[in-house]
Amino acid sequence: MAFFLSLALQAATLQPSRDEAEIVVLARKLRQIQVDMKLSKQAGKIMLLHCRITRASGEAALDAIPCDVAQQCIAEEPTTRKQLEKCVEAKSNLRIDAILGARRAS
């Protein structure tokens, strides 16, 4: 998640455009989110024991991303935490891009 946040923050300028301003606001909200996630590895398979948001951004669509994508990635049966992290980052980025796209369209 840190990668897309750094990209979003780099977009800020002294007089940002509407799109750039939206990216900065979204990045700030994403940084607010804190997640409690417990994983276990059994028989070579990573299992998600629980996932919950401990500090929300105040925007349901953003708050839903971490646990939703973690569950999707676990379903793809990654065998290492590194594989899980890559999957979560990729799927999170897609969801965030979709949210930005929807906002730009409206």
Protein backbone atom coordinates (compact mmCIF):
# COMPACT_ATOMS: atom_id res chain seq x y z
CA MET A 1 0.00 0.00 0.00
CA ALA A 2 2.92 2.32 0.65
CA PHE A 3 3.83 2.37 -3.04
CA PHE A 4 0.55 3.81 -4.30
CA LEU A 5 0.45 6.26 -1.40
CA SER A 6 3.86 7.62 -2.32
CA LEU A 7 2.77 7.98 -5.94
CA ALA A 8 -0.38 9.78 -4.89
CA LEU A 9 1.53 12.16 -2.67
CA GLN A 10 4.04 12.96 -5.44
CA ALA A 11 1.14 14.27 -7.51
CA ALA A 12 0.64 17.21 -5.13
CA THR A 13 1.79 20.60 -6.44
CA LEU A 14 1.44 24.19 -5.21
CA GLN A 15 -1.80 24.61 -7.18
CA PRO A 16 -3.08 21.10 -7.80
CA SER A 17 -5.66 20.33 -10.43
CA ARG A 18 -8.98 18.84 -9.35
CA ASP A 19 -7.73 15.31 -10.12
CA GLU A 20 -4.48 15.84 -8.23
CA ALA A 21 -6.33 17.29 -5.25
CA GLU A 22 -8.62 14.24 -5.20
CA ILE A 23 -5.58 11.93 -5.20
CA VAL A 24 -4.06 13.80 -2.27
CA VAL A 25 -7.32 13.64 -0.29
CA LEU A 26 -7.66 9.93 -1.04
CA ALA A 27 -4.05 9.28 0.02
CA ARG A 28 -4.66 11.05 3.33
CA LYS A 29 -7.74 8.93 3.98
CA LEU A 30 -5.90 5.73 3.09
CA ARG A 31 -3.11 6.55 5.55
CA GLN A 32 -5.72 6.78 8.33
CA ILE A 33 -6.83 3.18 7.90
CA GLN A 34 -5.42 0.70 10.38
CA VAL A 35 -6.04 -3.02 10.04
CA ASP A 36 -5.81 -5.90 12.50
CA MET A 37 -5.17 -9.05 10.48
CA LYS A 38 -4.22 -12.45 11.83
CA LEU A 39 -2.80 -15.09 9.52
CA SER A 40 -1.88 -18.71 10.08
CA LYS A 41 -0.01 -21.18 7.95
CA GLN A 42 -1.20 -24.77 8.03
CA ALA A 43 -0.06 -27.55 5.73
CA GLY A 44 1.72 -25.04 3.49
CA LYS A 45 -1.39 -22.92 3.08
CA ILE A 46 -1.87 -19.41 4.44
CA MET A 47 -5.19 -18.91 6.19
CA LEU A 48 -6.86 -15.66 7.18
CA LEU A 49 -8.05 -16.10 10.75
CA HIS A 50 -9.53 -12.63 11.08
CA CYS A 51 -9.37 -9.18 9.56
CA ARG A 52 -10.92 -6.02 10.92
CA ILE A 53 -10.47 -2.29 10.58
CA THR A 54 -9.27 -0.79 13.88
CA ARG A 55 -9.20 2.80 12.60
CA ALA A 56 -11.41 3.80 9.70
CA SER A 57 -10.98 6.56 7.15
CA GLY A 58 -14.64 7.50 7.39
CA GLU A 59 -15.28 6.35 3.84
CA ALA A 60 -16.82 2.89 3.60
CA ALA A 61 -15.52 2.14 0.09
CA LEU A 62 -11.94 2.73 1.21
CA ASP A 63 -12.32 1.00 4.56
CA ALA A 64 -13.60 -2.15 2.86
CA ILE A 65 -10.52 -2.57 0.66
CA PRO A 66 -7.96 -4.18 3.02
CA CYS A 67 -10.06 -7.05 4.32
CA ASP A 68 -11.93 -7.62 1.04
CA VAL A 69 -8.77 -7.95 -1.02
CA ALA A 70 -7.06 -10.05 1.65
CA GLN A 71 -9.95 -12.53 1.47
CA GLN A 72 -9.80 -12.56 -2.34
CA CYS A 73 -6.05 -13.16 -2.29
CA ILE A 74 -6.31 -15.94 0.31
CA ALA A 75 -8.82 -17.65 -1.99
CA GLU A 76 -6.07 -17.73 -4.64
CA GLU A 77 -4.07 -19.86 -2.18
CA PRO A 78 -0.74 -18.04 -1.87
CA THR A 79 1.94 -20.13 -0.17
CA THR A 80 4.08 -17.29 1.21
CA ARG A 81 3.41 -13.98 2.92
CA LYS A 82 5.33 -12.26 0.12
CA GLN A 83 2.91 -13.68 -2.46
CA LEU A 84 -0.01 -12.57 -0.32
CA GLU A 85 1.43 -9.05 0.05
CA LYS A 86 1.93 -8.71 -3.72
CA CYS A 87 -1.60 -9.88 -4.38
CA VAL A 88 -3.09 -7.53 -1.78
CA GLU A 89 -1.14 -4.56 -3.15
CA ALA A 90 -2.15 -5.28 -6.75
CA LYS A 91 -5.84 -5.78 -5.96
CA SER A 92 -5.87 -2.74 -3.65
CA ASN A 93 -4.43 -0.58 -6.39
CA LEU A 94 -7.12 -1.76 -8.81
CA ARG A 95 -9.87 -0.95 -6.31
CA ILE A 96 -8.41 2.50 -5.60
CA ASP A 97 -8.07 3.20 -9.32
CA ALA A 98 -11.74 2.25 -9.75
CA ILE A 99 -12.78 4.60 -6.97
CA LEU A 100 -10.77 7.45 -8.50
CA GLY A 101 -12.20 6.69 -11.93
CA ALA A 102 -15.76 6.76 -10.62
CA ARG A 103 -15.15 10.09 -8.91
CA ARG A 104 -13.65 11.61 -12.02
CA ALA A 105 -16.63 10.44 -14.07
CA SER A 106 -19.13 12.10 -11.75
